[in-house]
Amino acid sequence: MLLCLQPTLSINFGIYFQKREQKVEEKEKKMKAKELERRNKEEGERRKMEEKRRKREEKEKEKKKKRQEEVERKRAQEETKKRKMEERRKEKEKKKRQEEVEKKRAQEQMMKKKEDAERRKREETKKKQAMAEQKKKQGRKKK
């Protein structure tokens, strides 16, 4: 009886081993798929973290750039302010010198006018004295 069952058994064992092999292959496929999915997930997370880091660095660069621009703008404002103050100071000095020159010139003109007036007065006095002298002489001649 065992002999007559042997071909059936060997077929059954062949099917059994085939199914078993198939199950092992399916398990391996599932494991590979899970491993691939896990790797993809890790890669995705790594990419997300990389993207976040990149964005954070860009923001920091932008902040740094804005700060630098702000510092540059303030420095330019300070330079402009200093330059304007220097220009005003120079203008004041120039105006002051000009006023001093005008004052000196006015004083010189006043002195010249005084001297001219004094000279004319002396000349008039001399003329009057000369006229008086002449009248005296003429008065003497008539007598």
N, C-alpha and C. Protein backbone atom coordinates (compact mmCIF):
# COMPACT_ATOMS: atom_id res chain seq x y z
N MET A 1 0.82 -1.18 0.00
CA MET A 1 0.00 0.00 0.00
C MET A 1 0.87 1.24 0.00
N LEU A 2 1.90 1.18 0.66
CA LEU A 2 2.80 2.30 0.72
C LEU A 2 3.39 2.59 -0.66
N LEU A 3 3.59 1.55 -1.41
CA LEU A 3 4.14 1.70 -2.73
C LEU A 3 3.19 2.42 -3.67
N CYS A 4 1.98 2.12 -3.54
CA CYS A 4 1.03 2.78 -4.44
C CYS A 4 0.81 4.24 -4.05
N LEU A 5 1.05 4.57 -2.81
CA LEU A 5 0.89 5.96 -2.37
C LEU A 5 2.14 6.79 -2.66
N GLN A 6 3.23 6.16 -2.90
CA GLN A 6 4.49 6.86 -3.07
C GLN A 6 4.46 7.92 -4.17
N PRO A 7 3.94 7.62 -5.38
CA PRO A 7 3.90 8.69 -6.37
C PRO A 7 3.06 9.86 -5.91
N THR A 8 1.98 9.62 -5.22
CA THR A 8 1.11 10.69 -4.74
C THR A 8 1.84 11.49 -3.68
N LEU A 9 2.54 10.78 -2.82
CA LEU A 9 3.27 11.44 -1.75
C LEU A 9 4.36 12.34 -2.34
N SER A 10 5.08 11.78 -3.31
CA SER A 10 6.16 12.60 -3.87
C SER A 10 5.59 13.83 -4.56
N ILE A 11 4.45 13.72 -5.19
CA ILE A 11 3.79 14.87 -5.81
C ILE A 11 3.37 15.85 -4.73
N ASN A 12 2.76 15.27 -3.67
CA ASN A 12 2.32 16.11 -2.56
C ASN A 12 3.51 16.84 -1.92
N PHE A 13 4.63 16.09 -1.72
CA PHE A 13 5.82 16.71 -1.14
C PHE A 13 6.38 17.78 -2.07
N GLY A 14 6.33 17.51 -3.38
CA GLY A 14 6.80 18.48 -4.36
C GLY A 14 5.99 19.77 -4.29
N ILE A 15 4.68 19.58 -4.20
CA ILE A 15 3.77 20.74 -4.09
C ILE A 15 4.04 21.47 -2.77
N TYR A 16 4.23 20.67 -1.69
CA TYR A 16 4.48 21.23 -0.36
C TYR A 16 5.75 22.09 -0.40
N PHE A 17 6.82 21.48 -0.95
CA PHE A 17 8.08 22.21 -1.00
C PHE A 17 7.98 23.44 -1.92
N GLN A 18 7.24 23.29 -2.99
CA GLN A 18 7.04 24.41 -3.92
C GLN A 18 6.32 25.55 -3.22
N LYS A 19 5.24 25.18 -2.49
CA LYS A 19 4.48 26.20 -1.76
C LYS A 19 5.35 26.84 -0.68
N ARG A 20 6.13 25.97 0.00
CA ARG A 20 7.01 26.46 1.05
C ARG A 20 8.03 27.44 0.46
N GLU A 21 8.62 27.06 -0.65
CA GLU A 21 9.58 27.92 -1.34
C GLU A 21 8.91 29.23 -1.76
N GLN A 22 7.69 29.12 -2.23
CA GLN A 22 6.93 30.30 -2.67
C GLN A 22 6.70 31.23 -1.48
N LYS A 23 6.32 30.62 -0.32
CA LYS A 23 6.09 31.42 0.89
C LYS A 23 7.37 32.12 1.31
N VAL A 24 8.48 31.41 1.27
CA VAL A 24 9.77 32.01 1.65
C VAL A 24 10.10 33.16 0.71
N GLU A 25 9.88 32.95 -0.60
CA GLU A 25 10.13 34.01 -1.58
C GLU A 25 9.23 35.21 -1.33
N GLU A 26 7.96 34.94 -1.01
CA GLU A 26 7.02 36.03 -0.71
C GLU A 26 7.45 36.78 0.53
N LYS A 27 7.90 36.03 1.57
CA LYS A 27 8.39 36.67 2.79
C LYS A 27 9.60 37.55 2.47
N GLU A 28 10.52 37.02 1.65
CA GLU A 28 11.70 37.79 1.27
C GLU A 28 11.29 39.05 0.50
N LYS A 29 10.33 38.89 -0.42
CA LYS A 29 9.84 40.06 -1.17
C LYS A 29 9.25 41.10 -0.23
N LYS A 30 8.42 40.59 0.74
CA LYS A 30 7.82 41.52 1.71
C LYS A 30 8.90 42.22 2.53
N MET A 31 9.92 41.41 2.95
CA MET A 31 11.01 41.99 3.75
C MET A 31 11.77 43.06 2.91
N LYS A 32 12.03 42.72 1.67
CA LYS A 32 12.73 43.67 0.80
C LYS A 32 11.89 44.92 0.59
N ALA A 33 10.56 44.68 0.39
CA ALA A 33 9.66 45.83 0.21
C ALA A 33 9.65 46.70 1.46
N LYS A 34 9.57 46.05 2.64
CA LYS A 34 9.58 46.80 3.91
C LYS A 34 10.89 47.55 4.07
N GLU A 35 12.00 46.86 3.76
CA GLU A 35 13.31 47.49 3.86
C GLU A 35 13.41 48.69 2.93
N LEU A 36 12.93 48.50 1.68
CA LEU A 36 12.93 49.59 0.71
C LEU A 36 12.06 50.75 1.20
N GLU A 37 10.89 50.42 1.74
CA GLU A 37 9.98 51.45 2.26
C GLU A 37 10.63 52.19 3.43
N ARG A 38 11.30 51.41 4.30
CA ARG A 38 11.98 52.01 5.45
C ARG A 38 13.10 52.95 4.96
N ARG A 39 13.87 52.50 3.99
CA ARG A 39 14.94 53.33 3.44
C ARG A 39 14.37 54.59 2.79
N ASN A 40 13.30 54.42 2.02
CA ASN A 40 12.67 55.58 1.38
C ASN A 40 12.17 56.56 2.43
N LYS A 41 11.59 56.00 3.49
CA LYS A 41 11.08 56.86 4.58
C LYS A 41 12.24 57.62 5.22
N GLU A 42 13.32 56.89 5.52
CA GLU A 42 14.50 57.54 6.11
C GLU A 42 15.06 58.60 5.17
N GLU A 43 15.12 58.27 3.88
CA GLU A 43 15.63 59.21 2.88
C GLU A 43 14.73 60.46 2.83
N GLY A 44 13.43 60.22 2.87
CA GLY A 44 12.48 61.33 2.87
C GLY A 44 12.67 62.23 4.09
N GLU A 45 12.82 61.58 5.26
CA GLU A 45 13.05 62.37 6.49
C GLU A 45 14.37 63.13 6.41
N ARG A 46 15.40 62.44 5.88
CA ARG A 46 16.70 63.09 5.74
C ARG A 46 16.59 64.30 4.82
N ARG A 47 15.85 64.14 3.71
CA ARG A 47 15.64 65.26 2.78
C ARG A 47 14.90 66.40 3.46
N LYS A 48 13.85 66.05 4.23
CA LYS A 48 13.09 67.09 4.94
C LYS A 48 14.01 67.86 5.89
N MET A 49 14.81 67.10 6.65
CA MET A 49 15.72 67.76 7.60
C MET A 49 16.73 68.63 6.85
N GLU A 50 17.22 68.13 5.74
CA GLU A 50 18.17 68.90 4.91
C GLU A 50 17.51 70.17 4.40
N GLU A 51 16.27 70.04 3.96
CA GLU A 51 15.53 71.20 3.44
C GLU A 51 15.30 72.23 4.56
N LYS A 52 14.93 71.73 5.74
CA LYS A 52 14.74 72.64 6.87
C LYS A 52 16.04 73.36 7.21
N ARG A 53 17.13 72.59 7.24
CA ARG A 53 18.43 73.18 7.56
C ARG A 53 18.80 74.24 6.51
N ARG A 54 18.58 73.89 5.24
CA ARG A 54 18.90 74.82 4.15
C ARG A 54 18.07 76.11 4.28
N LYS A 55 16.77 75.95 4.56
CA LYS A 55 15.90 77.12 4.72
C LYS A 55 16.35 77.97 5.90
N ARG A 56 16.71 77.30 7.01
CA ARG A 56 17.16 78.02 8.20
C ARG A 56 18.44 78.81 7.88
N GLU A 57 19.35 78.16 7.15
CA GLU A 57 20.59 78.84 6.77
C GLU A 57 20.30 80.02 5.85
N GLU A 58 19.37 79.85 4.93
CA GLU A 58 18.99 80.96 4.04
C GLU A 58 18.42 82.12 4.84
N LYS A 59 17.55 81.79 5.82
CA LYS A 59 16.98 82.85 6.66
C LYS A 59 18.08 83.57 7.43
N GLU A 60 19.01 82.79 7.98
CA GLU A 60 20.12 83.40 8.72
C GLU A 60 20.96 84.30 7.80
N LYS A 61 21.21 83.81 6.58
CA LYS A 61 21.96 84.63 5.62
C LYS A 61 21.21 85.91 5.32
N GLU A 62 19.90 85.79 5.13
CA GLU A 62 19.07 86.96 4.83
C GLU A 62 19.10 87.95 6.00
N LYS A 63 18.98 87.41 7.23
CA LYS A 63 19.04 88.28 8.41
C LYS A 63 20.39 88.98 8.49
N LYS A 64 21.44 88.21 8.26
CA LYS A 64 22.79 88.77 8.32
C LYS A 64 22.94 89.86 7.26
N LYS A 65 22.42 89.58 6.07
CA LYS A 65 22.50 90.56 4.98
C LYS A 65 21.74 91.83 5.35
N LYS A 66 20.52 91.65 5.91
CA LYS A 66 19.73 92.82 6.31
C LYS A 66 20.44 93.62 7.38
N ARG A 67 21.02 92.90 8.37
CA ARG A 67 21.76 93.60 9.42
C ARG A 67 22.92 94.38 8.83
N GLN A 68 23.64 93.73 7.91
CA GLN A 68 24.78 94.39 7.26
C GLN A 68 24.32 95.63 6.50
N GLU A 69 23.19 95.50 5.78
CA GLU A 69 22.65 96.64 5.03
C GLU A 69 22.26 97.76 5.98
N GLU A 70 21.66 97.38 7.11
CA GLU A 70 21.25 98.37 8.11
C GLU A 70 22.47 99.10 8.67
N VAL A 71 23.50 98.32 8.99
CA VAL A 71 24.74 98.92 9.51
C VAL A 71 25.34 99.86 8.46
N GLU A 72 25.34 99.40 7.21
CA GLU A 72 25.89 100.21 6.11
C GLU A 72 25.08 101.50 5.94
N ARG A 73 23.75 101.36 6.02
CA ARG A 73 22.87 102.53 5.88
C ARG A 73 23.13 103.53 7.01
N LYS A 74 23.24 103.02 8.24
CA LYS A 74 23.49 103.90 9.39
C LYS A 74 24.85 104.59 9.26
N ARG A 75 25.85 103.82 8.80
CA ARG A 75 27.18 104.40 8.62
C ARG A 75 27.13 105.51 7.58
N ALA A 76 26.41 105.25 6.50
CA ALA A 76 26.27 106.27 5.44
C ALA A 76 25.56 107.51 6.00
N GLN A 77 24.52 107.28 6.80
CA GLN A 77 23.81 108.42 7.42
C GLN A 77 24.74 109.22 8.30
N GLU A 78 25.54 108.51 9.11
CA GLU A 78 26.48 109.18 10.00
C GLU A 78 27.49 110.00 9.19
N GLU A 79 28.00 109.40 8.13
CA GLU A 79 28.96 110.12 7.29
C GLU A 79 28.32 111.36 6.69
N THR A 80 27.09 111.21 6.21
CA THR A 80 26.39 112.35 5.63
C THR A 80 26.19 113.43 6.69
N LYS A 81 25.78 113.00 7.88
CA LYS A 81 25.56 113.94 8.97
C LYS A 81 26.86 114.68 9.32
N LYS A 82 27.95 113.91 9.43
CA LYS A 82 29.24 114.54 9.75
C LYS A 82 29.66 115.51 8.66
N ARG A 83 29.48 115.09 7.41
CA ARG A 83 29.87 115.94 6.29
C ARG A 83 29.06 117.24 6.31
N LYS A 84 27.74 117.12 6.55
CA LYS A 84 26.91 118.33 6.60
C LYS A 84 27.32 119.23 7.74
N MET A 85 27.61 118.62 8.91
CA MET A 85 28.05 119.42 10.06
C MET A 85 29.36 120.14 9.73
N GLU A 86 30.26 119.42 9.08
CA GLU A 86 31.55 120.01 8.69
C GLU A 86 31.33 121.17 7.72
N GLU A 87 30.43 120.94 6.75
CA GLU A 87 30.13 122.01 5.79
C GLU A 87 29.54 123.23 6.49
N ARG A 88 28.60 122.97 7.44
CA ARG A 88 28.01 124.10 8.18
C ARG A 88 29.08 124.85 8.97
N ARG A 89 29.97 124.07 9.60
CA ARG A 89 31.05 124.69 10.39
C ARG A 89 31.93 125.55 9.49
N LYS A 90 32.28 125.00 8.33
CA LYS A 90 33.11 125.76 7.39
C LYS A 90 32.38 127.02 6.92
N GLU A 91 31.08 126.87 6.64
CA GLU A 91 30.29 128.04 6.23
C GLU A 91 30.29 129.10 7.33
N LYS A 92 30.11 128.65 8.58
CA LYS A 92 30.12 129.61 9.70
C LYS A 92 31.46 130.32 9.79
N GLU A 93 32.54 129.52 9.67
CA GLU A 93 33.87 130.13 9.73
C GLU A 93 34.06 131.14 8.59
N LYS A 94 33.62 130.74 7.41
CA LYS A 94 33.75 131.61 6.24
C LYS A 94 32.96 132.90 6.47
N LYS A 95 31.73 132.73 6.98
CA LYS A 95 30.88 133.89 7.25
C LYS A 95 31.52 134.79 8.31
N LYS A 96 32.09 134.15 9.33
CA LYS A 96 32.72 134.91 10.40
C LYS A 96 33.92 135.69 9.85
N ARG A 97 34.75 135.02 9.04
CA ARG A 97 35.90 135.72 8.44
C ARG A 97 35.43 136.87 7.56
N GLN A 98 34.37 136.58 6.80
CA GLN A 98 33.84 137.62 5.90
C GLN A 98 33.34 138.82 6.72
N GLU A 99 32.65 138.53 7.83
CA GLU A 99 32.16 139.61 8.69
C GLU A 99 33.33 140.40 9.27
N GLU A 100 34.39 139.68 9.67
CA GLU A 100 35.56 140.37 10.21
C GLU A 100 36.19 141.26 9.14
N VAL A 101 36.29 140.72 7.93
CA VAL A 101 36.85 141.51 6.82
C VAL A 101 35.99 142.75 6.58
N GLU A 102 34.66 142.55 6.57
CA GLU A 102 33.74 143.68 6.37
C GLU A 102 33.89 144.70 7.49
N LYS A 103 34.01 144.21 8.72
CA LYS A 103 34.16 145.09 9.87
C LYS A 103 35.45 145.90 9.74
N LYS A 104 36.52 145.21 9.37
CA LYS A 104 37.81 145.88 9.19
C LYS A 104 37.73 146.94 8.10
N ARG A 105 37.10 146.54 7.00
CA ARG A 105 36.97 147.47 5.88
C ARG A 105 36.15 148.69 6.31
N ALA A 106 35.05 148.43 7.06
CA ALA A 106 34.22 149.54 7.53
C ALA A 106 35.03 150.45 8.45
N GLN A 107 35.83 149.85 9.34
CA GLN A 107 36.67 150.64 10.24
C GLN A 107 37.68 151.47 9.46
N GLU A 108 38.29 150.81 8.45
CA GLU A 108 39.27 151.54 7.63
C GLU A 108 38.61 152.71 6.92
N GLN A 109 37.38 152.49 6.39
CA GLN A 109 36.67 153.57 5.71
C GLN A 109 36.36 154.70 6.71
N MET A 110 35.94 154.30 7.91
CA MET A 110 35.64 155.31 8.93
C MET A 110 36.90 156.13 9.26
N MET A 111 38.02 155.40 9.43
CA MET A 111 39.27 156.08 9.74
C MET A 111 39.66 157.02 8.59
N LYS A 112 39.49 156.53 7.36
CA LYS A 112 39.84 157.35 6.20
C LYS A 112 38.95 158.59 6.16
N LYS A 113 37.65 158.40 6.43
CA LYS A 113 36.74 159.56 6.45
C LYS A 113 37.15 160.55 7.52
N LYS A 114 37.51 160.03 8.71
CA LYS A 114 37.94 160.90 9.80
C LYS A 114 39.19 161.67 9.40
N GLU A 115 40.15 160.92 8.82
CA GLU A 115 41.40 161.56 8.41
C GLU A 115 41.14 162.62 7.34
N ASP A 116 40.24 162.25 6.36
CA ASP A 116 39.90 163.23 5.31
C ASP A 116 39.25 164.45 5.94
N ALA A 117 38.35 164.24 6.87
CA ALA A 117 37.67 165.36 7.52
C ALA A 117 38.66 166.22 8.28
N GLU A 118 39.57 165.57 9.00
CA GLU A 118 40.58 166.32 9.75
C GLU A 118 41.48 167.10 8.80
N ARG A 119 41.89 166.44 7.69
CA ARG A 119 42.75 167.11 6.71
C ARG A 119 42.04 168.33 6.13
N ARG A 120 40.74 168.13 5.76
CA ARG A 120 39.99 169.27 5.21
C ARG A 120 39.88 170.40 6.24
N LYS A 121 39.66 170.02 7.46
CA LYS A 121 39.52 171.02 8.53
C LYS A 121 40.82 171.81 8.67
N ARG A 122 41.94 171.05 8.65
CA ARG A 122 43.25 171.74 8.76
C ARG A 122 43.45 172.67 7.56
N GLU A 123 43.10 172.13 6.37
CA GLU A 123 43.28 172.95 5.16
C GLU A 123 42.42 174.21 5.26
N GLU A 124 41.16 174.05 5.72
CA GLU A 124 40.28 175.22 5.86
C GLU A 124 40.85 176.19 6.88
N THR A 125 41.33 175.63 7.96
CA THR A 125 41.91 176.48 9.01
C THR A 125 43.10 177.24 8.44
N LYS A 126 43.98 176.55 7.65
CA LYS A 126 45.13 177.21 7.03
C LYS A 126 44.67 178.31 6.09
N LYS A 127 43.60 177.96 5.30
CA LYS A 127 43.09 178.97 4.35
C LYS A 127 42.59 180.18 5.12
N LYS A 128 41.84 179.92 6.17
CA LYS A 128 41.29 181.04 6.96
C LYS A 128 42.42 181.86 7.55
N GLN A 129 43.43 181.15 8.05
CA GLN A 129 44.57 181.87 8.64
C GLN A 129 45.28 182.68 7.56
N ALA A 130 45.43 182.05 6.36
CA ALA A 130 46.10 182.76 5.27
C ALA A 130 45.26 183.99 4.89
N MET A 131 43.94 183.83 4.82
CA MET A 131 43.05 184.95 4.47
C MET A 131 43.16 186.04 5.55
N ALA A 132 43.18 185.61 6.78
CA ALA A 132 43.27 186.59 7.88
C ALA A 132 44.60 187.32 7.79
N GLU A 133 45.67 186.57 7.49
CA GLU A 133 47.00 187.16 7.35
C GLU A 133 46.98 188.19 6.21
N GLN A 134 46.34 187.78 5.11
CA GLN A 134 46.30 188.67 3.94
C GLN A 134 45.52 189.94 4.27
N LYS A 135 44.43 189.79 4.95
CA LYS A 135 43.62 190.97 5.34
C LYS A 135 44.44 191.87 6.25
N LYS A 136 45.17 191.27 7.11
CA LYS A 136 46.00 192.05 8.03
C LYS A 136 47.03 192.86 7.23
N LYS A 137 47.64 192.16 6.30
CA LYS A 137 48.65 192.82 5.48
C LYS A 137 48.02 193.95 4.67
N GLN A 138 46.85 193.68 4.10
CA GLN A 138 46.18 194.70 3.29
C GLN A 138 45.76 195.88 4.17
N GLY A 139 45.30 195.57 5.38
CA GLY A 139 44.90 196.62 6.31
C GLY A 139 46.08 197.47 6.69
N ARG A 140 47.24 196.91 6.78
CA ARG A 140 48.45 197.64 7.12
C ARG A 140 48.87 198.51 5.95
N LYS A 141 48.70 197.94 4.73
CA LYS A 141 49.11 198.68 3.55
C LYS A 141 48.23 199.91 3.38
N LYS A 142 46.98 199.80 3.66
CA LYS A 142 46.06 200.92 3.50
C LYS A 142 46.38 202.01 4.51
N LYS A 143 46.81 201.69 5.62
CA LYS A 143 47.09 202.67 6.65
C LYS A 143 48.32 203.36 6.30
